[in-house]
Amino acid sequence: MRREEVDVLVIGSGAGGLSAAVAAAHRGLTVLVAEKEPVFGGTTARSGGWSWIPGSGPAVRAGVKDSREAARTYMAHEAGAHFDAPRAEAFLDAGPKAVAFFEEKTSLRFDLGPTFADYHPKAPGGVDGGRSIVARPFDGRELGPEIARLRPPLTEITFLGLMIGTGKELQHFFNVLRSPVSFLHVARLLARYARDLVFHGRSMRLMNGNALVARLAKSAFDKGVEIRTEAPARRLLTDEKGRVTGALLTARDGPVEVTARKGVVLAAGGFPQDVARRARLMPHAPTGHEHVSPAPPGNTGDGLRLGEAAGASVNESLPHAAAWVPISRPRRKDGTLGTFPHFVDRSKPGVIAVTRSGRRFVNEAESYHDFCQAMVARAHEEGAEEPAAWFIADHRAFRRYGLGFARPAPVPYGRLVREGYLLKGETLADLARQIGADAAALEATVARFNEAAERGEDPDFGKGSTAYNRSLGDPDWKPNPCVAPLVKPPFFAVRLFVGDLGTFAGLRTNEHAEVLDETGAPVPGLFAAGNDAASVMGGAYPGGGITLGPALTFGWIAARRMAGGND
């Protein structure tokens, strides 16, 4: 058996793992990153790339008025009985320091989302913007040949493979047929993308989570960190005192025993594709198969199992095991079903959601996490065998904004109708029949919604009533950017399933990112970051980037701890 020695072994190559690797390398430690799949980047590379880090440098430079006390109040309110004060304090203290380190010492640069509000901005300590930051777009050519190993973005949320930024850029795509400025902007993007396909086989304009991973990976390579793909960890190595001293990896040329002098970081992405643990922790998925996740197939809970075998404890007490998101399932060209997470269309004017009862059940523009909670609750209330809902839109809204994987005009949609992904009815009664809903109930629901929507109001659920709601609406639609009547046939629907953006239940850790055993004592030599660690938000979802922000921060904290530093 081959043997190697490093200071730090990182298992997993998403934001948490790469953050720890880069920060450790900058402190003079030798680092190996082991990734089980052929590509690096994990779920982060498929994500929107936002990081929730209050008080960051980008926010301070932009003059955002916020305070650590307000952010702590908000975290405590959102987490409730599961608020972990020492970890929250460590996160709030270290987050801005980690951002400063990455911006000053590495290739990572951030842009502020000044209008990207907390998901519950009216709650104590909540704000209307300034806590979420996103990695600046990155030219993939800077990775050189390593670009071939970067996990591509989730196909379903690109446009023909082109990554699209949120905010103004997305609005340009919505307005491409109505604004010459938008048309020219989109045309330039498509021309550049066509050139990239010819010369590189993929887009070199990396956005969102792809940009975050690429910038971290570039920083890692610059410091001599090896990211070894197709190298799954089989078990952790421990000494006679129970200290974790490394791990056994399976490489392409056989097993490798890696000794890690300073520590091992578990950052393997949680358990979104672990059917057994899903069945145990997700009530809506009694067999584990009812749940749908856009996470990479390799995120099967390896980090949690490795930790448990070494004496670590998994926190399964959080009120939510994962960050829920509604998912629809378009059919891919190879016949398999894809996963489309619904982030933006929920908030658009002229879009509502109903269950088979034909009734609405939620403010569709609230966070995806809240949306799915309401979806599951309504299923229980109605005695449904499984949670199921449909987004409904009229022709005006559908062709202007699209609906899920069905793109707005001028993109054709006939194939999606033929394949059954997109339902189309000339009348609401026709659409109700296809959904399996009572036609009279759906017609009554839409009539009630339309009566108030004419005035831009939603008295039943308050769609458009918060800064977060409005931030994803249509700024050109007045008076409420999230509310418009559904009046123009034909009508369209897309079915929704409960999915996740990452798991919350995970290894118990302390404020130093050290993994804890059942007694609450650290397992010597073992650290966790990202979704392998239990959520610092206590199983709540208070804002955009509450998985990646802590991942980056606690990866940085783990590196600091292993290097013996205090700053």
Protein backbone atom coordinates (compact mmCIF):
# COMPACT_ATOMS: atom_id res chain seq x y z
CA MET A 1 0.00 0.00 0.00
CA ARG A 2 1.28 3.44 -0.91
CA ARG A 3 1.71 5.94 1.93
CA GLU A 4 1.76 9.73 1.86
CA GLU A 5 2.10 12.48 4.47
CA VAL A 6 0.64 15.98 4.50
CA ASP A 7 -0.26 18.47 7.19
CA VAL A 8 -3.94 18.68 6.27
CA LEU A 9 -6.20 16.25 4.43
CA VAL A 10 -9.48 17.70 3.18
CA ILE A 11 -12.21 15.26 2.11
CA GLY A 12 -14.49 17.01 -0.35
CA SER A 13 -13.97 19.89 -2.79
CA GLY A 14 -16.92 22.25 -2.36
CA ALA A 15 -16.74 25.69 -0.74
CA GLY A 16 -16.09 24.36 2.77
CA GLY A 17 -13.31 22.01 1.74
CA LEU A 18 -11.58 24.42 -0.63
CA SER A 19 -11.86 27.26 1.88
CA ALA A 20 -10.06 25.15 4.48
CA ALA A 21 -7.47 24.02 1.94
CA VAL A 22 -6.64 27.52 0.68
CA ALA A 23 -6.54 29.05 4.15
CA ALA A 24 -4.33 26.24 5.49
CA ALA A 25 -1.93 26.52 2.56
CA HIS A 26 -1.58 30.24 3.15
CA ARG A 27 -0.58 29.45 6.73
CA GLY A 28 2.27 27.33 5.47
CA LEU A 29 0.66 23.89 5.76
CA THR A 30 0.85 21.19 3.09
CA VAL A 31 -2.63 20.21 1.92
CA LEU A 32 -4.23 17.43 -0.09
CA VAL A 33 -7.88 17.64 -1.18
CA ALA A 34 -9.48 14.25 -1.88
CA GLU A 35 -12.60 14.22 -4.06
CA LYS A 36 -14.51 11.01 -4.85
CA GLU A 37 -15.95 12.16 -8.18
CA PRO A 38 -14.07 12.82 -11.47
CA VAL A 39 -14.75 16.56 -11.13
CA PHE A 40 -14.25 18.99 -8.26
CA GLY A 41 -16.63 21.60 -6.88
CA GLY A 42 -19.38 19.55 -5.25
CA THR A 43 -22.80 21.09 -4.78
CA THR A 44 -21.21 24.54 -4.64
CA ALA A 45 -20.39 24.40 -8.35
CA ARG A 46 -24.09 23.85 -9.10
CA SER A 47 -25.34 26.52 -6.72
CA GLY A 48 -26.25 30.17 -7.03
CA GLY A 49 -22.97 30.96 -5.29
CA TRP A 50 -24.35 33.39 -2.70
CA SER A 51 -22.78 33.61 0.77
CA TRP A 52 -24.60 35.10 3.77
CA ILE A 53 -21.89 36.86 5.78
CA PRO A 54 -23.01 39.94 7.74
CA GLY A 55 -20.54 42.81 8.05
CA SER A 56 -18.41 41.74 5.08
CA GLY A 57 -15.96 44.07 3.39
CA PRO A 58 -18.15 44.52 0.31
CA ALA A 59 -21.04 45.61 2.55
CA VAL A 60 -18.90 48.01 4.57
CA ARG A 61 -17.44 49.57 1.41
CA ALA A 62 -20.95 50.05 0.03
CA GLY A 63 -22.06 51.85 3.17
CA VAL A 64 -24.60 49.22 4.25
CA LYS A 65 -26.04 50.05 7.65
CA ASP A 66 -25.96 46.89 9.71
CA SER A 67 -24.52 45.64 12.96
CA ARG A 68 -23.23 42.43 14.42
CA GLU A 69 -25.83 42.74 17.19
CA ALA A 70 -28.66 42.91 14.65
CA ALA A 71 -27.32 39.89 12.78
CA ARG A 72 -27.00 37.93 16.03
CA THR A 73 -30.56 38.89 17.00
CA TYR A 74 -31.79 37.69 13.61
CA MET A 75 -29.91 34.39 13.83
CA ALA A 76 -31.20 33.77 17.34
CA HIS A 77 -34.77 34.55 16.31
CA GLU A 78 -34.62 32.27 13.28
CA ALA A 79 -32.92 29.33 15.05
CA GLY A 80 -35.13 29.54 18.13
CA ALA A 81 -34.47 26.73 20.60
CA HIS A 82 -31.70 25.40 18.34
CA PHE A 83 -29.61 28.58 18.52
CA ASP A 84 -25.97 27.64 19.19
CA ALA A 85 -24.55 30.84 20.67
CA PRO A 86 -20.82 29.92 20.66
CA ARG A 87 -20.88 28.82 17.01
CA ALA A 88 -23.00 31.81 15.99
CA GLU A 89 -20.59 34.20 17.72
CA ALA A 90 -17.64 32.51 16.02
CA PHE A 91 -19.34 32.78 12.64
CA LEU A 92 -20.21 36.46 13.04
CA ASP A 93 -16.70 37.26 14.28
CA ALA A 94 -14.79 35.23 11.69
CA GLY A 95 -17.00 35.78 8.64
CA PRO A 96 -15.76 39.30 7.78
CA LYS A 97 -12.18 38.24 8.56
CA ALA A 98 -12.46 35.28 6.21
CA VAL A 99 -13.84 37.49 3.42
CA ALA A 100 -11.00 39.97 3.96
CA PHE A 101 -8.44 37.15 3.79
CA PHE A 102 -9.84 35.74 0.56
CA GLU A 103 -10.11 39.13 -1.12
CA GLU A 104 -6.62 40.26 -0.05
CA LYS A 105 -4.63 37.02 -0.38
CA THR A 106 -6.35 34.89 -3.03
CA SER A 107 -8.13 35.02 -6.39
CA LEU A 108 -11.54 35.21 -4.72
CA ARG A 109 -13.47 38.44 -5.22
CA PHE A 110 -17.01 39.21 -4.13
CA ASP A 111 -19.82 41.45 -5.27
CA LEU A 112 -22.52 42.68 -2.90
CA GLY A 113 -26.21 42.01 -3.38
CA PRO A 114 -27.43 45.29 -1.82
CA THR A 115 -31.10 44.57 -2.55
CA PHE A 116 -30.86 40.84 -1.79
CA ALA A 117 -32.91 40.89 1.40
CA ASP A 118 -32.95 38.48 4.31
CA TYR A 119 -35.71 35.98 3.75
CA HIS A 120 -37.65 37.30 6.76
CA PRO A 121 -36.64 40.97 6.70
CA LYS A 122 -39.44 42.03 9.05
CA ALA A 123 -38.25 39.65 11.80
CA PRO A 124 -36.15 41.04 14.69
CA GLY A 125 -32.70 41.88 13.33
CA GLY A 126 -33.69 41.27 9.71
CA VAL A 127 -32.56 43.65 6.97
CA ASP A 128 -33.66 44.55 3.46
CA GLY A 129 -30.25 43.83 1.95
CA GLY A 130 -26.49 43.84 2.36
CA ARG A 131 -25.68 40.52 4.02
CA SER A 132 -25.44 38.31 0.93
CA ILE A 133 -22.39 38.43 -1.34
CA VAL A 134 -21.59 36.49 -4.50
CA ALA A 135 -18.35 35.51 -6.21
CA ARG A 136 -17.47 37.84 -9.05
CA PRO A 137 -17.66 36.28 -12.55
CA PHE A 138 -14.45 34.50 -13.51
CA ASP A 139 -12.70 33.74 -16.78
CA GLY A 140 -12.37 29.96 -16.84
CA ARG A 141 -9.28 30.21 -19.05
CA GLU A 142 -7.33 31.23 -15.94
CA LEU A 143 -7.68 27.65 -14.69
CA GLY A 144 -5.78 26.38 -17.73
CA PRO A 145 -6.21 22.63 -18.32
CA GLU A 146 -7.80 22.25 -14.86
CA ILE A 147 -11.01 23.74 -16.29
CA ALA A 148 -11.73 20.24 -17.63
CA ARG A 149 -12.09 18.98 -14.04
CA LEU A 150 -14.39 21.77 -12.83
CA ARG A 151 -17.91 20.46 -12.25
CA PRO A 152 -20.21 22.14 -14.79
CA PRO A 153 -23.28 24.05 -13.59
CA LEU A 154 -26.61 22.30 -13.26
CA THR A 155 -27.80 21.95 -16.86
CA GLU A 156 -31.43 22.75 -16.12
CA ILE A 157 -30.70 26.24 -14.77
CA THR A 158 -28.50 27.32 -17.68
CA PHE A 159 -29.67 28.55 -21.07
CA LEU A 160 -28.26 26.02 -23.53
CA GLY A 161 -25.29 25.68 -21.18
CA LEU A 162 -24.80 29.45 -20.69
CA MET A 163 -24.68 30.58 -17.06
CA ILE A 164 -26.85 33.61 -16.31
CA GLY A 165 -26.34 35.96 -13.38
CA THR A 166 -29.19 37.07 -11.16
CA GLY A 167 -30.51 40.61 -10.92
CA LYS A 168 -30.03 42.92 -13.90
CA GLU A 169 -28.60 40.26 -16.19
CA LEU A 170 -31.58 37.97 -15.71
CA GLN A 171 -33.88 40.92 -16.34
CA HIS A 172 -32.15 41.48 -19.69
CA PHE A 173 -33.15 37.94 -20.72
CA PHE A 174 -36.75 38.57 -19.67
CA ASN A 175 -36.79 41.81 -21.69
CA VAL A 176 -34.91 40.57 -24.74
CA LEU A 177 -37.90 41.12 -27.08
CA ARG A 178 -38.98 44.43 -25.53
CA SER A 179 -35.75 46.38 -25.09
CA PRO A 180 -33.02 47.08 -27.69
CA VAL A 181 -30.53 47.43 -24.84
CA SER A 182 -31.48 44.01 -23.47
CA PHE A 183 -31.40 42.49 -26.95
CA LEU A 184 -27.85 43.73 -27.56
CA HIS A 185 -26.70 42.58 -24.12
CA VAL A 186 -28.06 39.07 -24.64
CA ALA A 187 -26.71 38.95 -28.19
CA ARG A 188 -23.21 39.76 -26.96
CA LEU A 189 -23.40 37.06 -24.30
CA LEU A 190 -24.59 34.46 -26.80
CA ALA A 191 -21.87 35.43 -29.30
CA ARG A 192 -19.18 35.04 -26.64
CA TYR A 193 -20.69 31.74 -25.58
CA ALA A 194 -20.66 30.47 -29.17
CA ARG A 195 -17.00 31.39 -29.44
CA ASP A 196 -16.22 29.58 -26.17
CA LEU A 197 -17.98 26.45 -27.41
CA VAL A 198 -15.85 26.43 -30.56
CA PHE A 199 -12.53 26.92 -28.80
CA HIS A 200 -13.11 25.40 -25.35
CA GLY A 201 -16.18 23.18 -25.51
CA ARG A 202 -17.91 25.05 -22.70
CA SER A 203 -18.55 28.58 -21.46
CA MET A 204 -15.47 30.30 -20.08
CA ARG A 205 -17.59 33.01 -18.48
CA LEU A 206 -18.09 31.37 -15.11
CA MET A 207 -20.86 32.68 -12.87
CA ASN A 208 -22.48 31.99 -9.53
CA GLY A 209 -21.27 28.85 -7.73
CA ASN A 210 -19.10 27.86 -10.69
CA ALA A 211 -17.19 31.14 -10.29
CA LEU A 212 -16.84 30.61 -6.53
CA VAL A 213 -15.33 27.15 -6.96
CA ALA A 214 -13.11 28.23 -9.85
CA ARG A 215 -11.70 31.14 -7.87
CA LEU A 216 -11.06 28.94 -4.83
CA ALA A 217 -9.51 26.22 -6.98
CA LYS A 218 -7.24 28.75 -8.73
CA SER A 219 -6.15 29.97 -5.30
CA ALA A 220 -5.47 26.39 -4.18
CA PHE A 221 -3.42 25.53 -7.26
CA ASP A 222 -1.44 28.76 -6.87
CA LYS A 223 -0.36 27.59 -3.39
CA GLY A 224 0.58 24.10 -4.52
CA VAL A 225 -2.53 22.33 -3.19
CA GLU A 226 -3.37 19.12 -5.03
CA ILE A 227 -7.04 18.40 -5.73
CA ARG A 228 -7.08 14.67 -6.32
CA THR A 229 -10.26 13.53 -8.04
CA GLU A 230 -11.57 9.95 -8.19
CA ALA A 231 -10.07 9.42 -4.75
CA PRO A 232 -12.86 8.51 -2.29
CA ALA A 233 -12.07 8.20 1.40
CA ARG A 234 -12.87 4.72 2.74
CA ARG A 235 -12.13 5.16 6.44
CA LEU A 236 -10.41 7.48 8.85
CA LEU A 237 -7.15 6.44 10.52
CA THR A 238 -6.80 6.83 14.27
CA ASP A 239 -4.02 6.23 16.77
CA GLU A 240 -4.20 4.38 20.08
CA LYS A 241 -5.52 7.51 21.83
CA GLY A 242 -8.39 7.95 19.39
CA ARG A 243 -6.85 10.88 17.52
CA VAL A 244 -7.68 11.04 13.82
CA THR A 245 -4.37 10.84 12.00
CA GLY A 246 -5.42 10.56 8.36
CA ALA A 247 -7.53 8.48 6.02
CA LEU A 248 -7.43 5.55 3.67
CA LEU A 249 -8.17 6.68 0.11
CA THR A 250 -8.91 4.60 -2.96
CA ALA A 251 -6.99 6.04 -5.89
CA ARG A 252 -7.02 4.98 -9.52
CA ASP A 253 -3.77 3.08 -8.97
CA GLY A 254 -4.82 1.43 -5.71
CA PRO A 255 -5.29 2.24 -2.02
CA VAL A 256 -3.35 5.11 -0.45
CA GLU A 257 -2.84 5.67 3.26
CA VAL A 258 -2.58 9.42 3.87
CA THR A 259 -1.24 10.66 7.20
CA ALA A 260 -2.40 14.17 8.14
CA ARG A 261 -0.19 15.65 10.83
CA LYS A 262 -2.43 18.61 11.71
CA GLY A 263 -5.88 17.26 10.98
CA VAL A 264 -8.56 15.94 8.64
CA VAL A 265 -11.41 18.14 7.42
CA LEU A 266 -14.69 16.45 6.47
CA ALA A 267 -16.41 18.51 3.76
CA ALA A 268 -18.08 15.90 1.57
CA GLY A 269 -21.37 17.71 1.03
CA GLY A 270 -23.77 16.20 3.55
CA PHE A 271 -26.26 13.45 2.69
CA PRO A 272 -28.72 14.72 0.01
CA GLN A 273 -28.25 11.53 -2.04
CA ASP A 274 -28.20 9.09 0.91
CA VAL A 275 -31.56 7.35 0.51
CA ALA A 276 -31.42 5.59 3.91
CA ARG A 277 -30.71 8.74 5.91
CA ARG A 278 -33.29 10.67 3.89
CA ALA A 279 -35.89 8.06 4.80
CA ARG A 280 -35.02 8.45 8.47
CA LEU A 281 -34.89 12.25 8.62
CA MET A 282 -37.31 13.50 5.96
CA PRO A 283 -40.95 12.80 6.91
CA HIS A 284 -42.21 13.58 3.41
CA ALA A 285 -39.98 10.81 2.01
CA PRO A 286 -40.84 7.63 3.99
CA THR A 287 -38.81 5.38 1.68
CA GLY A 288 -36.18 8.00 0.86
CA HIS A 289 -37.08 7.88 -2.83
CA GLU A 290 -39.89 10.46 -2.69
CA HIS A 291 -37.32 13.23 -2.26
CA VAL A 292 -35.57 14.83 -5.24
CA SER A 293 -32.20 16.59 -5.02
CA PRO A 294 -30.15 18.48 -7.61
CA ALA A 295 -27.02 17.73 -5.57
CA PRO A 296 -24.27 15.72 -7.30
CA PRO A 297 -24.73 11.94 -7.18
CA GLY A 298 -21.64 11.52 -5.03
CA ASN A 299 -23.10 13.40 -2.05
CA THR A 300 -24.14 10.20 -0.31
CA GLY A 301 -23.26 11.03 3.29
CA ASP A 302 -19.66 9.78 3.25
CA GLY A 303 -18.46 12.49 5.63
CA LEU A 304 -21.11 11.69 8.23
CA ARG A 305 -20.40 7.95 8.10
CA LEU A 306 -16.64 8.47 8.30
CA GLY A 307 -17.11 10.73 11.30
CA GLU A 308 -19.49 8.37 13.08
CA ALA A 309 -17.06 5.48 12.65
CA ALA A 310 -14.39 7.60 14.37
CA GLY A 311 -16.66 8.39 17.33
CA ALA A 312 -18.33 11.56 16.11
CA SER A 313 -21.96 12.48 16.82
CA VAL A 314 -24.53 13.52 14.21
CA ASN A 315 -27.10 16.12 15.20
CA GLU A 316 -30.44 14.79 13.96
CA SER A 317 -32.56 16.97 16.24
CA LEU A 318 -32.91 20.03 13.99
CA PRO A 319 -36.49 20.88 12.94
CA HIS A 320 -35.54 20.57 9.27
CA ALA A 321 -33.02 18.08 7.96
CA ALA A 322 -32.32 20.10 4.82
CA ALA A 323 -32.85 23.38 2.99
CA TRP A 324 -36.06 22.66 1.10
CA VAL A 325 -36.70 23.86 -2.45
CA PRO A 326 -39.51 23.08 -4.92
CA ILE A 327 -38.22 20.98 -7.82
CA SER A 328 -39.74 20.18 -11.19
CA ARG A 329 -38.54 17.35 -13.40
CA PRO A 330 -37.95 18.01 -17.11
CA ARG A 331 -36.90 15.10 -19.27
CA ARG A 332 -33.32 15.22 -20.54
CA LYS A 333 -32.24 14.21 -24.03
CA ASP A 334 -31.01 10.84 -22.74
CA GLY A 335 -34.46 10.08 -21.31
CA THR A 336 -33.59 10.60 -17.65
CA LEU A 337 -35.39 13.12 -15.49
CA GLY A 338 -33.59 16.34 -14.63
CA THR A 339 -34.00 18.58 -11.60
CA PHE A 340 -35.02 22.22 -11.90
CA PRO A 341 -34.99 24.19 -8.62
CA HIS A 342 -37.54 27.03 -8.68
CA PHE A 343 -35.87 30.20 -7.41
CA VAL A 344 -37.21 33.05 -9.52
CA ASP A 345 -40.52 32.20 -11.22
CA ARG A 346 -42.35 31.87 -7.88
CA SER A 347 -42.18 35.63 -7.37
CA LYS A 348 -43.30 36.79 -10.79
CA PRO A 349 -46.65 38.54 -11.34
CA GLY A 350 -49.18 36.19 -12.89
CA VAL A 351 -47.85 33.03 -11.22
CA ILE A 352 -49.60 31.20 -8.37
CA ALA A 353 -49.30 27.74 -6.81
CA VAL A 354 -52.10 25.28 -6.02
CA THR A 355 -52.45 21.72 -4.81
CA ARG A 356 -54.83 19.08 -6.22
CA SER A 357 -57.55 20.74 -4.19
CA GLY A 358 -57.31 23.64 -6.63
CA ARG A 359 -56.55 26.04 -3.76
CA ARG A 360 -53.53 28.23 -3.06
CA PHE A 361 -51.60 27.44 0.09
CA VAL A 362 -48.72 29.94 0.42
CA ASN A 363 -47.23 33.29 -0.49
CA GLU A 364 -45.42 31.98 -3.55
CA ALA A 365 -42.74 34.69 -3.31
CA GLU A 366 -41.56 33.67 0.14
CA SER A 367 -38.36 31.65 0.36
CA TYR A 368 -38.19 28.23 -1.29
CA HIS A 369 -37.64 26.72 2.17
CA ASP A 370 -40.86 28.26 3.48
CA PHE A 371 -42.70 27.35 0.29
CA CYS A 372 -41.94 23.64 0.73
CA GLN A 373 -42.89 23.68 4.40
CA ALA A 374 -46.29 25.04 3.41
CA MET A 375 -46.53 22.48 0.61
CA VAL A 376 -45.93 19.59 3.03
CA ALA A 377 -48.31 21.06 5.62
CA ARG A 378 -51.11 21.39 3.06
CA ALA A 379 -50.56 17.78 1.95
CA HIS A 380 -51.11 16.65 5.54
CA GLU A 381 -54.16 18.89 5.88
CA GLU A 382 -55.70 17.49 2.71
CA GLY A 383 -54.76 13.89 3.45
CA ALA A 384 -52.67 13.60 0.29
CA GLU A 385 -50.48 10.55 -0.13
CA GLU A 386 -47.52 12.73 -1.11
CA PRO A 387 -46.76 16.48 -1.20
CA ALA A 388 -47.59 17.78 -4.65
CA ALA A 389 -48.27 21.23 -6.03
CA TRP A 390 -48.38 23.03 -9.37
CA PHE A 391 -47.31 26.46 -10.50
CA ILE A 392 -50.03 28.04 -12.63
CA ALA A 393 -49.51 30.91 -15.08
CA ASP A 394 -51.52 32.52 -17.82
CA HIS A 395 -50.16 33.06 -21.32
CA ARG A 396 -48.90 36.60 -20.63
CA ALA A 397 -46.87 35.61 -17.58
CA PHE A 398 -45.62 32.38 -19.11
CA ARG A 399 -44.27 33.96 -22.31
CA ARG A 400 -42.77 36.89 -20.41
CA TYR A 401 -41.05 34.99 -17.58
CA GLY A 402 -41.21 31.32 -18.47
CA LEU A 403 -42.24 28.66 -15.99
CA GLY A 404 -39.57 26.41 -14.56
CA PHE A 405 -37.54 24.78 -17.34
CA ALA A 406 -39.94 26.22 -19.93
CA ARG A 407 -38.23 29.41 -21.09
CA PRO A 408 -39.87 32.74 -21.94
CA ALA A 409 -40.50 33.90 -25.52
CA PRO A 410 -39.13 33.47 -28.10
CA VAL A 411 -37.97 30.01 -26.95
CA PRO A 412 -40.38 27.30 -28.20
CA TYR A 413 -42.08 25.06 -25.66
CA GLY A 414 -43.99 22.45 -27.69
CA ARG A 415 -41.61 19.61 -26.82
CA LEU A 416 -42.14 20.19 -23.10
CA VAL A 417 -45.90 19.91 -23.59
CA ARG A 418 -45.54 16.71 -25.58
CA GLU A 419 -43.28 15.19 -22.93
CA GLY A 420 -45.72 16.07 -20.14
CA TYR A 421 -43.45 18.47 -18.25
CA LEU A 422 -45.53 21.50 -19.16
CA LEU A 423 -49.30 21.22 -18.95
CA LYS A 424 -51.36 23.47 -21.24
CA GLY A 425 -55.07 24.11 -21.03
CA GLU A 426 -57.21 26.37 -23.19
CA THR A 427 -59.33 26.97 -20.10
CA LEU A 428 -58.76 26.68 -16.36
CA ALA A 429 -61.18 23.76 -16.30
CA ASP A 430 -59.08 21.98 -18.94
CA LEU A 431 -55.92 22.61 -16.90
CA ALA A 432 -57.61 21.40 -13.72
CA ARG A 433 -58.51 18.14 -15.44
CA GLN A 434 -54.86 17.54 -16.33
CA ILE A 435 -53.72 18.29 -12.79
CA GLY A 436 -56.40 16.12 -11.28
CA ALA A 437 -57.95 19.08 -9.47
CA ASP A 438 -61.59 20.07 -9.10
CA ALA A 439 -62.30 22.50 -11.94
CA ALA A 440 -64.77 24.62 -9.98
CA ALA A 441 -62.31 24.98 -7.10
CA LEU A 442 -59.47 26.11 -9.37
CA GLU A 443 -61.72 28.57 -11.19
CA ALA A 444 -62.88 29.99 -7.85
CA THR A 445 -59.29 30.27 -6.60
CA VAL A 446 -58.17 32.19 -9.69
CA ALA A 447 -61.27 34.41 -9.63
CA ARG A 448 -60.63 35.34 -5.99
CA PHE A 449 -56.95 35.98 -6.66
CA ASN A 450 -57.68 38.05 -9.79
CA GLU A 451 -60.17 40.34 -8.07
CA ALA A 452 -57.50 41.65 -5.65
CA ALA A 453 -54.64 41.28 -8.12
CA GLU A 454 -56.20 43.95 -10.32
CA ARG A 455 -55.24 46.36 -7.52
CA GLY A 456 -51.84 44.71 -6.97
CA GLU A 457 -53.01 43.11 -3.73
CA ASP A 458 -53.00 39.60 -2.27
CA PRO A 459 -55.09 39.71 0.93
CA ASP A 460 -54.94 35.93 1.40
CA PHE A 461 -51.16 35.47 1.53
CA GLY A 462 -49.51 38.86 1.05
CA LYS A 463 -47.46 38.11 -2.05
CA GLY A 464 -45.13 41.04 -2.69
CA SER A 465 -45.35 42.34 0.87
CA THR A 466 -41.64 42.13 1.80
CA ALA A 467 -38.38 43.36 0.34
CA TYR A 468 -37.36 39.77 -0.32
CA ASN A 469 -40.60 39.08 -2.23
CA ARG A 470 -40.14 42.18 -4.35
CA SER A 471 -36.45 41.59 -5.05
CA LEU A 472 -37.35 38.65 -7.30
CA GLY A 473 -40.48 40.14 -8.83
CA ASP A 474 -40.70 42.21 -12.00
CA PRO A 475 -39.61 45.79 -11.25
CA ASP A 476 -41.39 47.00 -14.37
CA TRP A 477 -44.79 45.66 -13.23
CA LYS A 478 -46.85 48.11 -11.17
CA PRO A 479 -48.07 48.53 -8.53
CA ASN A 480 -46.93 45.19 -7.11
CA PRO A 481 -43.95 43.52 -8.85
CA CYS A 482 -45.16 40.10 -7.67
CA VAL A 483 -48.91 40.20 -8.36
CA ALA A 484 -50.91 40.23 -11.60
CA PRO A 485 -54.22 38.59 -12.53
CA LEU A 486 -54.26 35.35 -14.54
CA VAL A 487 -56.63 36.21 -17.40
CA LYS A 488 -55.14 35.44 -20.81
CA PRO A 489 -55.52 31.86 -22.08
CA PRO A 490 -54.08 29.38 -22.63
CA PHE A 491 -53.03 28.54 -19.09
CA PHE A 492 -49.95 26.56 -18.11
CA ALA A 493 -48.85 24.41 -15.16
CA VAL A 494 -45.72 22.64 -13.94
CA ARG A 495 -45.73 20.00 -11.21
CA LEU A 496 -43.55 20.46 -8.14
CA PHE A 497 -41.77 18.01 -5.84
CA VAL A 498 -40.00 18.64 -2.53
CA GLY A 499 -36.23 18.81 -2.99
CA ASP A 500 -33.25 20.33 -1.23
CA LEU A 501 -30.32 22.69 -1.72
CA GLY A 502 -28.20 20.92 0.88
CA THR A 503 -28.68 19.14 4.16
CA PHE A 504 -28.80 20.72 7.63
CA ALA A 505 -28.47 17.66 9.86
CA GLY A 506 -24.78 16.90 10.22
CA LEU A 507 -21.82 16.32 12.48
CA ARG A 508 -21.85 18.21 15.75
CA THR A 509 -19.07 20.78 15.79
CA ASN A 510 -17.92 23.56 18.11
CA GLU A 511 -16.88 27.14 17.47
CA HIS A 512 -13.46 25.95 16.23
CA ALA A 513 -15.01 23.66 13.57
CA GLU A 514 -13.85 20.67 15.61
CA VAL A 515 -16.06 17.60 15.37
CA LEU A 516 -17.62 16.50 18.67
CA ASP A 517 -18.41 13.09 20.13
CA GLU A 518 -21.54 12.08 22.05
CA THR A 519 -20.23 13.74 25.24
CA GLY A 520 -19.58 17.04 23.49
CA ALA A 521 -15.81 16.61 23.56
CA PRO A 522 -13.75 17.20 20.39
CA VAL A 523 -12.64 14.18 18.41
CA PRO A 524 -8.91 15.03 18.24
CA GLY A 525 -7.65 15.81 14.77
CA LEU A 526 -11.10 15.91 13.12
CA PHE A 527 -12.82 18.99 11.70
CA ALA A 528 -15.90 19.59 9.54
CA ALA A 529 -17.09 22.37 7.25
CA GLY A 530 -19.90 22.86 4.78
CA ASN A 531 -22.91 20.55 4.88
CA ASP A 532 -21.03 17.79 6.71
CA ALA A 533 -21.33 20.02 9.79
CA ALA A 534 -24.73 20.58 11.39
CA SER A 535 -26.24 23.90 10.32
CA VAL A 536 -25.17 26.89 12.41
CA MET A 537 -28.63 28.29 11.59
CA GLY A 538 -30.32 25.60 13.68
CA GLY A 539 -32.20 24.07 10.78
CA ALA A 540 -33.67 27.41 9.70
CA TYR A 541 -33.15 29.21 6.38
CA PRO A 542 -32.92 32.94 7.15
CA GLY A 543 -31.24 34.26 3.99
CA GLY A 544 -29.63 33.63 0.64
CA GLY A 545 -26.27 31.94 1.18
CA ILE A 546 -26.69 30.54 4.69
CA THR A 547 -24.98 27.32 3.63
CA LEU A 548 -22.06 28.77 1.64
CA GLY A 549 -21.40 31.67 4.02
CA PRO A 550 -20.80 29.37 7.01
CA ALA A 551 -18.97 26.88 4.75
CA LEU A 552 -16.41 29.48 3.74
CA THR A 553 -16.16 30.81 7.28
CA PHE A 554 -15.81 27.54 9.17
CA GLY A 555 -13.38 26.22 6.56
CA TRP A 556 -11.25 29.26 7.33
CA ILE A 557 -11.73 28.70 11.08
CA ALA A 558 -10.66 25.05 10.77
CA ALA A 559 -7.46 26.08 8.97
CA ARG A 560 -6.71 28.66 11.64
CA ARG A 561 -7.19 26.08 14.37
CA MET A 562 -4.98 23.49 12.69
CA ALA A 563 -2.24 26.08 12.15
CA GLY A 564 -2.42 27.17 15.79
CA GLY A 565 -3.44 30.74 14.97
CA ASN A 566 -5.88 33.07 16.70
CA ASP A 567 -6.57 35.71 14.05
